[in-house]
C-alpha atoms as a PDB file:
ATOM      1  CA  UNK A   1    -140.747  71.662  55.374  1.00  0.00           C
ATOM      2  CA  UNK A   2    -138.646  68.765  56.640  1.00  0.00           C
ATOM      3  CA  UNK A   3    -135.266  69.453  58.150  1.00  0.00           C
ATOM      4  CA  UNK A   4    -132.570  66.993  57.082  1.00  0.00           C
ATOM      5  CA  UNK A   5    -131.778  64.416  59.748  1.00  0.00           C
ATOM      6  CA  UNK A   6    -128.113  65.471  60.078  1.00  0.00           C
ATOM      7  CA  UNK A   7    -129.181  69.094  60.651  1.00  0.00           C
ATOM      8  CA  UNK A   8    -131.547  68.115  63.484  1.00  0.00           C
ATOM      9  CA  UNK A   9    -128.888  65.900  65.032  1.00  0.00           C
ATOM     10  CA  UNK A  10    -126.359  68.759  64.889  1.00  0.00           C
ATOM     11  CA  UNK A  11    -128.922  71.182  66.277  1.00  0.00           C
ATOM     12  CA  UNK A  12    -129.447  68.915  69.299  1.00  0.00           C
ATOM     13  CA  UNK A  13    -125.673  68.721  69.876  1.00  0.00           C
ATOM     14  CA  UNK A  14    -125.228  72.489  69.450  1.00  0.00           C
ATOM     15  CA  UNK A  15    -128.079  73.191  71.853  1.00  0.00           C
ATOM     16  CA  UNK A  16    -126.839  70.687  74.437  1.00  0.00           C
ATOM     17  CA  UNK A  17    -123.232  71.901  74.594  1.00  0.00           C
ATOM     18  CA  UNK A  18    -123.764  75.152  76.562  1.00  0.00           C
ATOM     19  CA  UNK A  19    -126.318  73.482  78.834  1.00  0.00           C
ATOM     20  CA  UNK A  20    -123.927  70.653  79.694  1.00  0.00           C
ATOM     21  CA  UNK A  21    -120.987  73.058  80.041  1.00  0.00           C
ATOM     22  CA  UNK A  22    -123.055  74.901  82.625  1.00  0.00           C
ATOM     23  CA  UNK A  23    -124.504  71.990  84.580  1.00  0.00           C
ATOM     24  CA  UNK A  24    -122.623  68.802  83.742  1.00  0.00           C
ATOM     25  CA  UNK A  25    -123.689  65.667  81.929  1.00  0.00           C
ATOM     26  CA  UNK A  26    -125.353  63.600  84.656  1.00  0.00           C
ATOM     27  CA  UNK A  27    -127.531  66.437  85.956  1.00  0.00           C
ATOM     28  CA  UNK A  28    -128.936  67.441  82.579  1.00  0.00           C
ATOM     29  CA  UNK A  29    -131.895  65.392  81.508  1.00  0.00           C
ATOM     30  CA  UNK A  30    -132.752  64.681  77.912  1.00  0.00           C
ATOM     31  CA  UNK A  31    -136.050  66.544  78.351  1.00  0.00           C
ATOM     32  CA  UNK A  32    -134.176  69.760  79.124  1.00  0.00           C
ATOM     33  CA  UNK A  33    -132.008  69.461  76.018  1.00  0.00           C
ATOM     34  CA  UNK A  34    -134.874  68.481  73.732  1.00  0.00           C
ATOM     35  CA  UNK A  35    -137.102  71.270  75.063  1.00  0.00           C
ATOM     36  CA  UNK A  36    -134.330  73.834  74.489  1.00  0.00           C
ATOM     37  CA  UNK A  37    -133.764  72.427  71.000  1.00  0.00           C
ATOM     38  CA  UNK A  38    -137.519  72.355  70.299  1.00  0.00           C
ATOM     39  CA  UNK A  39    -137.256  68.724  69.225  1.00  0.00           C
ATOM     40  CA  UNK A  40    -139.968  66.220  70.215  1.00  0.00           C
ATOM     41  CA  UNK A  41    -138.847  63.820  72.929  1.00  0.00           C
ATOM     42  CA  UNK A  42    -139.834  60.741  70.974  1.00  0.00           C
ATOM     43  CA  UNK A  43    -137.553  61.651  68.093  1.00  0.00           C
ATOM     44  CA  UNK A  44    -134.364  61.716  70.212  1.00  0.00           C
ATOM     45  CA  UNK A  45    -133.781  57.996  69.699  1.00  0.00           C
ATOM     46  CA  UNK A  46    -133.854  58.463  65.922  1.00  0.00           C
ATOM     47  CA  UNK A  47    -130.632  60.458  66.335  1.00  0.00           C
ATOM     48  CA  UNK A  48    -128.994  58.756  69.340  1.00  0.00           C
ATOM     49  CA  UNK A  49    -129.597  55.245  70.659  1.00  0.00           C
ATOM     50  CA  UNK A  50    -128.977  56.233  74.316  1.00  0.00           C
ATOM     51  CA  UNK A  51    -127.899  59.133  76.515  1.00  0.00           C
ATOM     52  CA  UNK A  52    -124.417  57.572  76.672  1.00  0.00           C
ATOM     53  CA  UNK A  53    -124.108  57.513  72.875  1.00  0.00           C
ATOM     54  CA  UNK A  54    -125.451  61.071  72.809  1.00  0.00           C
ATOM     55  CA  UNK A  55    -122.650  62.019  75.241  1.00  0.00           C
ATOM     56  CA  UNK A  56    -120.073  60.301  73.057  1.00  0.00           C
ATOM     57  CA  UNK A  57    -121.407  62.151  69.991  1.00  0.00           C
ATOM     58  CA  UNK A  58    -121.349  65.436  71.926  1.00  0.00           C
ATOM     59  CA  UNK A  59    -117.679  64.912  72.809  1.00  0.00           C
ATOM     60  CA  UNK A  60    -116.756  63.833  69.275  1.00  0.00           C
ATOM     61  CA  UNK A  61    -118.461  66.931  67.877  1.00  0.00           C
ATOM     62  CA  UNK A  62    -116.796  69.189  70.459  1.00  0.00           C
ATOM     63  CA  UNK A  63    -113.324  67.838  69.709  1.00  0.00           C
ATOM     64  CA  UNK A  64    -113.852  68.027  65.933  1.00  0.00           C
ATOM     65  CA  UNK A  65    -114.561  71.740  66.238  1.00  0.00           C
ATOM     66  CA  UNK A  66    -111.818  72.312  68.799  1.00  0.00           C
ATOM     67  CA  UNK A  67    -109.202  70.497  66.720  1.00  0.00           C
ATOM     68  CA  UNK A  68    -110.174  72.455  63.604  1.00  0.00           C
ATOM     69  CA  UNK A  69    -109.685  75.685  65.586  1.00  0.00           C
ATOM     70  CA  UNK A  70    -106.306  74.499  66.894  1.00  0.00           C
ATOM     71  CA  UNK A  71    -105.225  73.558  63.379  1.00  0.00           C
ATOM     72  CA  UNK A  72    -106.139  77.024  62.132  1.00  0.00           C
ATOM     73  CA  UNK A  73    -104.232  78.659  64.995  1.00  0.00           C
ATOM     74  CA  UNK A  74    -101.127  76.482  65.193  1.00  0.00           C
ATOM     75  CA  UNK A  75    -100.523  75.890  61.482  1.00  0.00           C
ATOM     76  CA  UNK A  76    -100.975  79.467  60.429  1.00  0.00           C
ATOM     77  CA  UNK A  77     -98.862  82.203  58.941  1.00  0.00           C
ATOM     78  CA  UNK A  78     -95.227  83.104  58.859  1.00  0.00           C
ATOM     79  CA  UNK A  79     -94.974  83.853  62.570  1.00  0.00           C
ATOM     80  CA  UNK A  80     -92.691  81.703  64.734  1.00  0.00           C
ATOM     81  CA  UNK A  81     -94.261  78.593  66.248  1.00  0.00           C
ATOM     82  CA  UNK A  82     -93.561  79.832  69.787  1.00  0.00           C
ATOM     83  CA  UNK A  83     -95.849  82.840  69.199  1.00  0.00           C
ATOM     84  CA  UNK A  84     -98.612  80.589  67.864  1.00  0.00           C
ATOM     85  CA  UNK A  85     -98.282  78.323  70.911  1.00  0.00           C
ATOM     86  CA  UNK A  86     -98.474  81.240  73.320  1.00  0.00           C
ATOM     87  CA  UNK A  87    -101.581  82.537  71.539  1.00  0.00           C
ATOM     88  CA  UNK A  88    -103.121  79.094  72.114  1.00  0.00           C
ATOM     89  CA  UNK A  89    -102.379  79.208  75.849  1.00  0.00           C
ATOM     90  CA  UNK A  90    -103.585  82.812  76.014  1.00  0.00           C
ATOM     91  CA  UNK A  91    -106.917  81.532  74.720  1.00  0.00           C
ATOM     92  CA  UNK A  92    -107.402  79.615  77.983  1.00  0.00           C
ATOM     93  CA  UNK A  93    -107.615  82.925  79.884  1.00  0.00           C
ATOM     94  CA  UNK A  94    -110.747  85.059  80.160  1.00  0.00           C
ATOM     95  CA  UNK A  95    -110.859  87.659  77.405  1.00  0.00           C
ATOM     96  CA  UNK A  96    -111.138  90.633  79.766  1.00  0.00           C
ATOM     97  CA  UNK A  97    -109.426  91.253  83.120  1.00  0.00           C
ATOM     98  CA  UNK A  98    -111.860  90.759  85.983  1.00  0.00           C
ATOM     99  CA  UNK A  99    -114.159  88.587  83.862  1.00  0.00           C
ATOM    100  CA  UNK A 100    -115.455  85.607  85.795  1.00  0.00           C
ATOM    101  CA  UNK A 101    -113.688  82.322  85.211  1.00  0.00           C
ATOM    102  CA  UNK A 102    -115.993  80.144  83.134  1.00  0.00           C
ATOM    103  CA  UNK A 103    -115.097  76.634  82.039  1.00  0.00           C
ATOM    104  CA  UNK A 104    -115.557  76.498  78.273  1.00  0.00           C
ATOM    105  CA  UNK A 105    -113.637  73.232  77.913  1.00  0.00           C
ATOM    106  CA  UNK A 106    -115.883  70.188  77.682  1.00  0.00           C
ATOM    107  CA  UNK A 107    -112.890  67.934  78.451  1.00  0.00           C
ATOM    108  CA  UNK A 108    -112.299  69.743  81.746  1.00  0.00           C
ATOM    109  CA  UNK A 109    -116.007  69.872  82.544  1.00  0.00           C
ATOM    110  CA  UNK A 110    -116.774  66.206  81.863  1.00  0.00           C
ATOM    111  CA  UNK A 111    -113.444  64.419  82.365  1.00  0.00           C
ATOM    112  CA  UNK A 112    -113.886  63.578  86.025  1.00  0.00           C
ATOM    113  CA  UNK A 113    -117.651  63.211  85.814  1.00  0.00           C
ATOM    114  CA  UNK A 114    -118.115  60.683  83.039  1.00  0.00           C
ATOM    115  CA  UNK A 115    -114.849  58.734  82.864  1.00  0.00           C
ATOM    116  CA  UNK A 116    -116.072  56.261  85.476  1.00  0.00           C
ATOM    117  CA  UNK A 117    -119.631  56.156  84.143  1.00  0.00           C
ATOM    118  CA  UNK A 118    -119.150  55.533  80.438  1.00  0.00           C
ATOM    119  CA  UNK A 119    -116.317  53.738  78.686  1.00  0.00           C
ATOM    120  CA  UNK A 120    -117.420  55.158  75.330  1.00  0.00           C
ATOM    121  CA  UNK A 121    -117.286  58.718  76.668  1.00  0.00           C
ATOM    122  CA  UNK A 122    -113.975  58.063  78.418  1.00  0.00           C
ATOM    123  CA  UNK A 123    -112.490  56.862  75.156  1.00  0.00           C
ATOM    124  CA  UNK A 124    -113.865  59.914  73.307  1.00  0.00           C
ATOM    125  CA  UNK A 125    -112.208  62.144  75.921  1.00  0.00           C
ATOM    126  CA  UNK A 126    -108.940  60.218  75.671  1.00  0.00           C
ATOM    127  CA  UNK A 127    -108.886  60.323  71.881  1.00  0.00           C
ATOM    128  CA  UNK A 128    -109.740  64.024  71.792  1.00  0.00           C
ATOM    129  CA  UNK A 129    -107.158  65.077  74.375  1.00  0.00           C
ATOM    130  CA  UNK A 130    -104.484  62.869  72.796  1.00  0.00           C
ATOM    131  CA  UNK A 131    -105.174  64.615  69.485  1.00  0.00           C
ATOM    132  CA  UNK A 132    -104.772  68.040  71.104  1.00  0.00           C
ATOM    133  CA  UNK A 133    -101.470  67.023  72.694  1.00  0.00           C
ATOM    134  CA  UNK A 134    -100.199  65.650  69.367  1.00  0.00           C
ATOM    135  CA  UNK A 135    -100.934  68.965  67.643  1.00  0.00           C
ATOM    136  CA  UNK A 136     -99.197  70.918  70.395  1.00  0.00           C
ATOM    137  CA  UNK A 137     -96.152  68.649  70.096  1.00  0.00           C
ATOM    138  CA  UNK A 138     -96.083  69.136  66.302  1.00  0.00           C
ATOM    139  CA  UNK A 139     -96.115  72.908  66.762  1.00  0.00           C
ATOM    140  CA  UNK A 140     -93.313  72.632  69.326  1.00  0.00           C
ATOM    141  CA  UNK A 141     -91.249  70.649  66.821  1.00  0.00           C
ATOM    142  CA  UNK A 142     -91.825  73.483  64.336  1.00  0.00           C
ATOM    143  CA  UNK A 143     -90.639  75.902  67.015  1.00  0.00           C
ATOM    144  CA  UNK A 144     -87.454  73.902  67.502  1.00  0.00           C
ATOM    145  CA  UNK A 145     -86.904  73.892  63.739  1.00  0.00           C
ATOM    146  CA  UNK A 146     -87.544  77.651  63.346  1.00  0.00           C
ATOM    147  CA  UNK A 147     -85.408  78.509  66.375  1.00  0.00           C
ATOM    148  CA  UNK A 148     -88.220  80.063  68.427  1.00  0.00           C
ATOM    149  CA  UNK A 149     -88.069  77.226  70.990  1.00  0.00           C
ATOM    150  CA  UNK A 150     -85.028  75.612  72.629  1.00  0.00           C
ATOM    151  CA  UNK A 151     -83.279  72.954  70.566  1.00  0.00           C
ATOM    152  CA  UNK A 152     -83.215  70.503  73.484  1.00  0.00           C
ATOM    153  CA  UNK A 153     -86.964  70.699  74.172  1.00  0.00           C
ATOM    154  CA  UNK A 154     -88.669  67.281  74.328  1.00  0.00           C
ATOM    155  CA  UNK A 155     -91.767  68.283  72.347  1.00  0.00           C
ATOM    156  CA  UNK A 156     -93.915  65.229  73.153  1.00  0.00           C
ATOM    157  CA  UNK A 157     -93.207  65.377  76.886  1.00  0.00           C
ATOM    158  CA  UNK A 158     -93.567  69.155  77.067  1.00  0.00           C
ATOM    159  CA  UNK A 159     -96.874  69.153  75.161  1.00  0.00           C
ATOM    160  CA  UNK A 160     -98.331  66.501  77.441  1.00  0.00           C
ATOM    161  CA  UNK A 161     -97.093  68.207  80.615  1.00  0.00           C
ATOM    162  CA  UNK A 162     -98.360  71.633  79.591  1.00  0.00           C
ATOM    163  CA  UNK A 163    -101.777  70.372  78.490  1.00  0.00           C
ATOM    164  CA  UNK A 164    -102.195  68.444  81.747  1.00  0.00           C
ATOM    165  CA  UNK A 165    -101.130  71.511  83.732  1.00  0.00           C
ATOM    166  CA  UNK A 166    -103.611  73.787  81.928  1.00  0.00           C
ATOM    167  CA  UNK A 167    -106.432  71.263  82.317  1.00  0.00           C
ATOM    168  CA  UNK A 168    -105.743  71.113  86.059  1.00  0.00           C
ATOM    169  CA  UNK A 169    -105.426  74.892  86.267  1.00  0.00           C
ATOM    170  CA  UNK A 170    -108.835  75.229  84.622  1.00  0.00           C
ATOM    171  CA  UNK A 171    -110.390  73.030  87.310  1.00  0.00           C
ATOM    172  CA  UNK A 172    -108.634  74.957  90.100  1.00  0.00           C
ATOM    173  CA  UNK A 173    -109.752  78.283  88.626  1.00  0.00           C
ATOM    174  CA  UNK A 174    -113.328  77.008  88.625  1.00  0.00           C
ATOM    175  CA  UNK A 175    -113.053  75.831  92.233  1.00  0.00           C
ATOM    176  CA  UNK A 176    -111.350  78.996  93.475  1.00  0.00           C
ATOM    177  CA  UNK A 177    -113.317  81.368  91.254  1.00  0.00           C
ATOM    178  CA  UNK A 178    -110.152  83.308  90.548  1.00  0.00           C
ATOM    179  CA  UNK A 179    -107.375  83.466  87.995  1.00  0.00           C
ATOM    180  CA  UNK A 180    -104.443  82.455  90.205  1.00  0.00           C
ATOM    181  CA  UNK A 181    -104.084  78.894  88.866  1.00  0.00           C
ATOM    182  CA  UNK A 182    -104.308  80.082  85.248  1.00  0.00           C
ATOM    183  CA  UNK A 183    -101.778  82.852  85.893  1.00  0.00           C
ATOM    184  CA  UNK A 184     -99.459  80.299  87.487  1.00  0.00           C
ATOM    185  CA  UNK A 185     -99.912  77.993  84.479  1.00  0.00           C
ATOM    186  CA  UNK A 186     -98.959  80.861  82.151  1.00  0.00           C
ATOM    187  CA  UNK A 187     -95.790  81.598  84.132  1.00  0.00           C
ATOM    188  CA  UNK A 188     -94.839  77.907  84.168  1.00  0.00           C
ATOM    189  CA  UNK A 189     -95.535  77.630  80.428  1.00  0.00           C
ATOM    190  CA  UNK A 190     -93.202  80.535  79.675  1.00  0.00           C
ATOM    191  CA  UNK A 191     -90.524  78.973  81.878  1.00  0.00           C
ATOM    192  CA  UNK A 192     -90.836  75.507  80.274  1.00  0.00           C
ATOM    193  CA  UNK A 193     -90.704  76.992  76.777  1.00  0.00           C
ATOM    194  CA  UNK A 194     -87.963  79.455  77.835  1.00  0.00           C
ATOM    195  CA  UNK A 195     -89.909  82.447  76.541  1.00  0.00           C
END
């Protein structure tokens, strides 16, 4: 039975994501990904023309899924926008107290590593993070309109500042192997949003 080409391509991307989240992009060889995906090495180039284009596709796929999840979270229900925003930031924290800090954000994992190596991957990162910030700003504007956030809040500036802070906090948490940077980011988020 032949598997449709798009399914095999997606399977390679799905298999690669946790490997690259764990080790980084440059360290992981195509052989490791293809072996884990049980895809013959020679067929890789039917799906991706190069490792760089594979990396760009991996980022595009990651952000597509991430943005769909953000849309579901931030554009949901009757609850005030401020509560939806705080649930988003809460999602950056480990699910259980004492759980080890693991970087599950491909933007945080690869941002510093590949931005100087690949213009295509840098642009995928920029486009993806800009899209996240735009959605956060839209939700903040809803919060201003529904009265759950301060009327004088500059939504675009606040969204960008908070996202940058959380991205940095994620890197610090990984370096320190503790929650202090994430806890500080949560306190600062509450202060900026006056919650």
